[in-house]
N, C-alpha and C. Protein backbone atom coordinates (compact mmCIF):
# COMPACT_ATOMS: atom_id res chain seq x y z
N MET A 1 127.56 98.66 84.24
CA MET A 1 127.24 99.31 82.98
C MET A 1 125.84 98.95 82.53
N ILE A 2 125.53 97.64 82.49
CA ILE A 2 124.20 97.20 82.06
C ILE A 2 123.16 97.72 83.04
N ARG A 3 123.50 97.75 84.32
CA ARG A 3 122.58 98.25 85.33
C ARG A 3 122.28 99.73 85.08
N ASN A 4 123.30 100.51 84.71
CA ASN A 4 123.10 101.93 84.42
C ASN A 4 122.22 102.14 83.19
N VAL A 5 122.43 101.33 82.16
CA VAL A 5 121.63 101.44 80.93
C VAL A 5 120.17 101.08 81.24
N LEU A 6 119.98 100.02 82.02
CA LEU A 6 118.63 99.60 82.39
C LEU A 6 117.94 100.68 83.22
N ALA A 7 118.64 101.26 84.16
CA ALA A 7 118.07 102.32 84.98
C ALA A 7 117.70 103.53 84.14
N ALA A 8 118.55 103.88 83.18
CA ALA A 8 118.26 105.02 82.30
C ALA A 8 117.05 104.73 81.42
N ALA A 9 116.94 103.51 80.94
CA ALA A 9 115.79 103.14 80.10
C ALA A 9 114.49 103.19 80.90
N LEU A 10 114.53 102.67 82.11
CA LEU A 10 113.34 102.71 82.96
C LEU A 10 112.95 104.15 83.30
N ALA A 11 113.93 104.97 83.59
CA ALA A 11 113.65 106.36 83.93
C ALA A 11 113.06 107.11 82.75
N SER A 12 113.59 106.88 81.57
CA SER A 12 113.06 107.59 80.40
C SER A 12 111.66 107.09 80.06
N GLY A 13 111.41 105.81 80.25
CA GLY A 13 110.07 105.28 80.01
C GLY A 13 109.07 105.86 80.98
N ALA A 14 109.45 105.99 82.23
CA ALA A 14 108.56 106.59 83.23
C ALA A 14 108.31 108.06 82.92
N ALA A 15 109.34 108.75 82.46
CA ALA A 15 109.18 110.17 82.12
C ALA A 15 108.22 110.35 80.94
N LEU A 16 108.24 109.42 80.01
CA LEU A 16 107.33 109.51 78.87
C LEU A 16 105.90 109.14 79.25
N ALA A 17 105.73 108.33 80.27
CA ALA A 17 104.39 107.91 80.68
C ALA A 17 103.66 109.01 81.44
N VAL A 18 104.36 109.88 82.14
CA VAL A 18 103.73 110.91 82.95
C VAL A 18 102.84 111.83 82.11
N PRO A 19 103.27 112.36 80.96
CA PRO A 19 102.36 113.21 80.19
C PRO A 19 101.11 112.47 79.74
N ALA A 20 101.22 111.20 79.46
CA ALA A 20 100.04 110.43 79.05
C ALA A 20 99.03 110.36 80.18
N LEU A 21 99.50 110.20 81.41
CA LEU A 21 98.60 110.17 82.55
C LEU A 21 97.99 111.54 82.80
N ALA A 22 98.74 112.57 82.57
CA ALA A 22 98.27 113.93 82.81
C ALA A 22 97.17 114.33 81.83
N GLN A 23 97.12 113.69 80.66
CA GLN A 23 96.11 114.04 79.68
C GLN A 23 94.72 113.60 80.11
N GLY A 24 94.62 112.63 80.98
CA GLY A 24 93.33 112.20 81.48
C GLY A 24 92.62 111.26 80.54
N ALA A 25 91.34 111.11 80.80
CA ALA A 25 90.51 110.18 80.04
C ALA A 25 90.23 110.71 78.64
N ASP A 26 89.87 109.80 77.78
CA ASP A 26 89.51 110.13 76.40
C ASP A 26 88.23 110.98 76.42
N PRO A 27 88.27 112.20 75.88
CA PRO A 27 87.08 113.05 75.90
C PRO A 27 85.95 112.51 75.02
N ASN A 28 86.25 111.59 74.13
CA ASN A 28 85.23 111.01 73.26
C ASN A 28 84.72 109.66 73.77
N LEU A 29 85.14 109.26 74.95
CA LEU A 29 84.77 107.94 75.46
C LEU A 29 83.26 107.77 75.52
N GLY A 30 82.55 108.73 76.09
CA GLY A 30 81.09 108.63 76.21
C GLY A 30 80.42 108.53 74.86
N ARG A 31 80.83 109.36 73.92
CA ARG A 31 80.24 109.33 72.57
C ARG A 31 80.51 107.99 71.90
N ASN A 32 81.73 107.50 72.03
CA ASN A 32 82.08 106.24 71.40
C ASN A 32 81.30 105.07 72.00
N LEU A 33 81.15 105.06 73.32
CA LEU A 33 80.38 104.00 73.97
C LEU A 33 78.90 104.11 73.62
N ALA A 34 78.41 105.33 73.48
CA ALA A 34 76.98 105.56 73.20
C ALA A 34 76.55 105.02 71.85
N ALA A 35 77.48 104.82 70.96
CA ALA A 35 77.13 104.28 69.63
C ALA A 35 76.41 102.94 69.76
N ALA A 36 76.79 102.14 70.75
CA ALA A 36 76.16 100.84 70.96
C ALA A 36 74.73 100.98 71.49
N CYS A 37 74.41 102.10 72.08
CA CYS A 37 73.08 102.33 72.65
C CYS A 37 72.06 102.77 71.60
N ALA A 38 72.56 103.23 70.46
CA ALA A 38 71.69 103.80 69.42
C ALA A 38 70.68 102.80 68.88
N ASN A 39 71.02 101.53 68.86
CA ASN A 39 70.08 100.54 68.33
C ASN A 39 68.74 100.58 69.05
N CYS A 40 68.75 100.76 70.34
CA CYS A 40 67.51 100.77 71.11
C CYS A 40 67.07 102.17 71.52
N HIS A 41 68.03 103.02 71.89
CA HIS A 41 67.70 104.32 72.45
C HIS A 41 67.84 105.47 71.46
N GLY A 42 68.11 105.17 70.21
CA GLY A 42 68.17 106.19 69.17
C GLY A 42 69.51 106.91 69.11
N THR A 43 69.72 107.56 67.97
CA THR A 43 70.95 108.32 67.76
C THR A 43 71.04 109.42 68.81
N ASN A 44 72.19 109.54 69.44
CA ASN A 44 72.44 110.52 70.50
C ASN A 44 71.47 110.40 71.66
N GLY A 45 70.85 109.21 71.82
CA GLY A 45 69.96 108.98 72.95
C GLY A 45 68.55 109.49 72.76
N VAL A 46 68.19 109.89 71.53
CA VAL A 46 66.84 110.37 71.25
C VAL A 46 66.06 109.21 70.64
N SER A 47 65.24 108.58 71.46
CA SER A 47 64.47 107.43 71.03
C SER A 47 63.28 107.86 70.19
N LEU A 48 63.02 107.12 69.12
CA LEU A 48 61.89 107.43 68.26
C LEU A 48 60.61 106.80 68.78
N GLN A 49 60.71 105.61 69.35
CA GLN A 49 59.52 104.98 69.91
C GLN A 49 59.90 103.78 70.76
N GLY A 50 59.09 103.50 71.73
CA GLY A 50 59.25 102.29 72.53
C GLY A 50 60.23 102.35 73.67
N MET A 51 61.43 102.77 73.42
CA MET A 51 62.45 102.82 74.47
C MET A 51 62.55 104.24 75.02
N PRO A 52 62.97 104.35 76.27
CA PRO A 52 63.13 105.69 76.84
C PRO A 52 64.26 106.45 76.16
N SER A 53 64.06 107.74 75.98
CA SER A 53 65.14 108.60 75.48
C SER A 53 66.11 108.86 76.62
N LEU A 54 67.38 108.86 76.31
CA LEU A 54 68.42 109.13 77.30
C LEU A 54 68.91 110.57 77.22
N ALA A 55 68.73 111.18 76.07
CA ALA A 55 69.22 112.54 75.84
C ALA A 55 68.57 113.53 76.80
N GLY A 56 69.42 114.34 77.42
CA GLY A 56 68.94 115.39 78.30
C GLY A 56 68.56 114.94 79.70
N GLN A 57 68.66 113.66 79.98
CA GLN A 57 68.38 113.18 81.34
C GLN A 57 69.50 113.63 82.27
N PRO A 58 69.20 113.86 83.54
CA PRO A 58 70.25 114.25 84.48
C PRO A 58 71.33 113.17 84.59
N ARG A 59 72.57 113.60 84.64
CA ARG A 59 73.70 112.68 84.71
C ARG A 59 73.57 111.73 85.89
N THR A 60 73.24 112.27 87.06
CA THR A 60 73.15 111.43 88.26
C THR A 60 72.05 110.37 88.12
N TYR A 61 70.96 110.72 87.48
CA TYR A 61 69.87 109.77 87.24
C TYR A 61 70.36 108.63 86.35
N LEU A 62 71.04 108.98 85.26
CA LEU A 62 71.52 107.96 84.34
C LEU A 62 72.53 107.03 85.00
N VAL A 63 73.42 107.59 85.79
CA VAL A 63 74.41 106.77 86.51
C VAL A 63 73.68 105.81 87.46
N GLN A 64 72.72 106.33 88.21
CA GLN A 64 71.99 105.49 89.16
C GLN A 64 71.25 104.36 88.46
N GLN A 65 70.60 104.68 87.34
CA GLN A 65 69.87 103.64 86.61
C GLN A 65 70.81 102.55 86.10
N MET A 66 71.94 102.96 85.54
CA MET A 66 72.91 101.97 85.05
C MET A 66 73.46 101.12 86.19
N GLN A 67 73.74 101.75 87.32
CA GLN A 67 74.24 100.99 88.48
C GLN A 67 73.17 100.02 88.97
N ASP A 68 71.90 100.46 88.95
CA ASP A 68 70.81 99.57 89.38
C ASP A 68 70.65 98.39 88.41
N PHE A 69 70.81 98.64 87.12
CA PHE A 69 70.79 97.53 86.16
C PHE A 69 71.96 96.59 86.43
N LYS A 70 73.11 97.17 86.66
CA LYS A 70 74.35 96.39 86.84
C LYS A 70 74.26 95.46 88.05
N THR A 71 73.68 95.97 89.13
CA THR A 71 73.59 95.18 90.36
C THR A 71 72.36 94.28 90.40
N GLY A 72 71.44 94.46 89.45
CA GLY A 72 70.21 93.67 89.43
C GLY A 72 69.09 94.28 90.24
N LYS A 73 69.34 95.46 90.81
CA LYS A 73 68.31 96.14 91.61
C LYS A 73 67.13 96.55 90.73
N ARG A 74 67.42 96.93 89.49
CA ARG A 74 66.36 97.28 88.55
C ARG A 74 66.22 96.14 87.54
N PRO A 75 65.05 95.52 87.50
CA PRO A 75 64.88 94.40 86.57
C PRO A 75 64.82 94.87 85.11
N ALA A 76 65.25 94.00 84.23
CA ALA A 76 65.25 94.32 82.81
C ALA A 76 65.35 93.04 82.00
N THR A 77 65.06 93.14 80.73
CA THR A 77 65.21 91.98 79.86
C THR A 77 66.63 91.88 79.31
N VAL A 78 67.23 93.02 78.97
CA VAL A 78 68.56 93.03 78.36
C VAL A 78 69.54 93.93 79.10
N MET A 79 69.07 95.06 79.60
CA MET A 79 69.98 96.07 80.16
C MET A 79 70.80 95.56 81.34
N HIS A 80 70.28 94.67 82.14
CA HIS A 80 71.08 94.19 83.27
C HIS A 80 72.31 93.43 82.79
N GLN A 81 72.21 92.75 81.65
CA GLN A 81 73.37 92.07 81.10
C GLN A 81 74.34 93.05 80.47
N LEU A 82 73.82 94.03 79.74
CA LEU A 82 74.68 95.03 79.11
C LEU A 82 75.41 95.87 80.15
N ALA A 83 74.71 96.29 81.18
CA ALA A 83 75.31 97.16 82.20
C ALA A 83 76.47 96.49 82.92
N LYS A 84 76.42 95.19 83.07
CA LYS A 84 77.50 94.47 83.74
C LYS A 84 78.82 94.57 82.99
N GLY A 85 78.75 94.87 81.70
CA GLY A 85 79.96 94.98 80.89
C GLY A 85 80.65 96.32 80.97
N TYR A 86 80.05 97.29 81.66
CA TYR A 86 80.62 98.63 81.75
C TYR A 86 81.29 98.86 83.09
N SER A 87 82.45 99.51 83.07
CA SER A 87 83.11 99.92 84.31
C SER A 87 82.40 101.17 84.84
N ASP A 88 82.68 101.52 86.08
CA ASP A 88 82.10 102.74 86.65
C ASP A 88 82.52 103.96 85.84
N GLU A 89 83.77 103.98 85.38
CA GLU A 89 84.25 105.10 84.56
C GLU A 89 83.47 105.19 83.25
N GLN A 90 83.19 104.07 82.64
CA GLN A 90 82.44 104.06 81.39
C GLN A 90 80.99 104.49 81.62
N ILE A 91 80.40 104.07 82.72
CA ILE A 91 79.04 104.50 83.04
C ILE A 91 79.00 106.00 83.24
N GLU A 92 79.97 106.54 83.94
CA GLU A 92 80.05 107.99 84.13
C GLU A 92 80.19 108.71 82.79
N ALA A 93 81.01 108.17 81.91
CA ALA A 93 81.22 108.79 80.59
C ALA A 93 79.94 108.75 79.76
N LEU A 94 79.24 107.64 79.79
CA LEU A 94 77.97 107.53 79.08
C LEU A 94 76.95 108.52 79.62
N ALA A 95 76.85 108.59 80.94
CA ALA A 95 75.89 109.49 81.57
C ALA A 95 76.20 110.95 81.24
N ALA A 96 77.48 111.30 81.27
CA ALA A 96 77.88 112.68 80.93
C ALA A 96 77.52 112.99 79.48
N TYR A 97 77.77 112.04 78.60
CA TYR A 97 77.47 112.24 77.18
C TYR A 97 75.97 112.43 76.97
N PHE A 98 75.17 111.50 77.46
CA PHE A 98 73.73 111.57 77.22
C PHE A 98 73.09 112.78 77.88
N SER A 99 73.56 113.15 79.06
CA SER A 99 72.97 114.31 79.75
C SER A 99 73.27 115.61 78.99
N ALA A 100 74.35 115.63 78.21
CA ALA A 100 74.71 116.83 77.44
C ALA A 100 73.98 116.91 76.11
N GLN A 101 73.27 115.85 75.71
CA GLN A 101 72.56 115.86 74.43
C GLN A 101 71.21 116.56 74.60
N LYS A 102 70.73 117.13 73.52
CA LYS A 102 69.44 117.82 73.55
C LYS A 102 68.31 116.83 73.32
N ALA A 103 67.35 116.86 74.25
CA ALA A 103 66.16 116.04 74.08
C ALA A 103 65.27 116.70 73.03
N ARG A 104 64.63 115.89 72.22
CA ARG A 104 63.76 116.45 71.17
C ARG A 104 62.34 116.08 71.40
């Protein structure tokens, strides 16, 4: 009896988890992560001075630069430390977000 109840509970939990997986990643992930970049790279990646603007850059370029910072291939004062904190999925989301922004 307890085994049947446990099996039913596990089955129903698995059934509820499937739709969550089917929904995919958070569509706002890139925008939410990009908020931390605004201090240096400007709102929506449009830098006012000093730092490179990220808005409108090609997605593949942005991913490559972040990966180079992350691995230490590209030297930096701060970005190599920041990039290490992002997963590949988060880097992809950031790159997709910034590449979709309009450069000014």
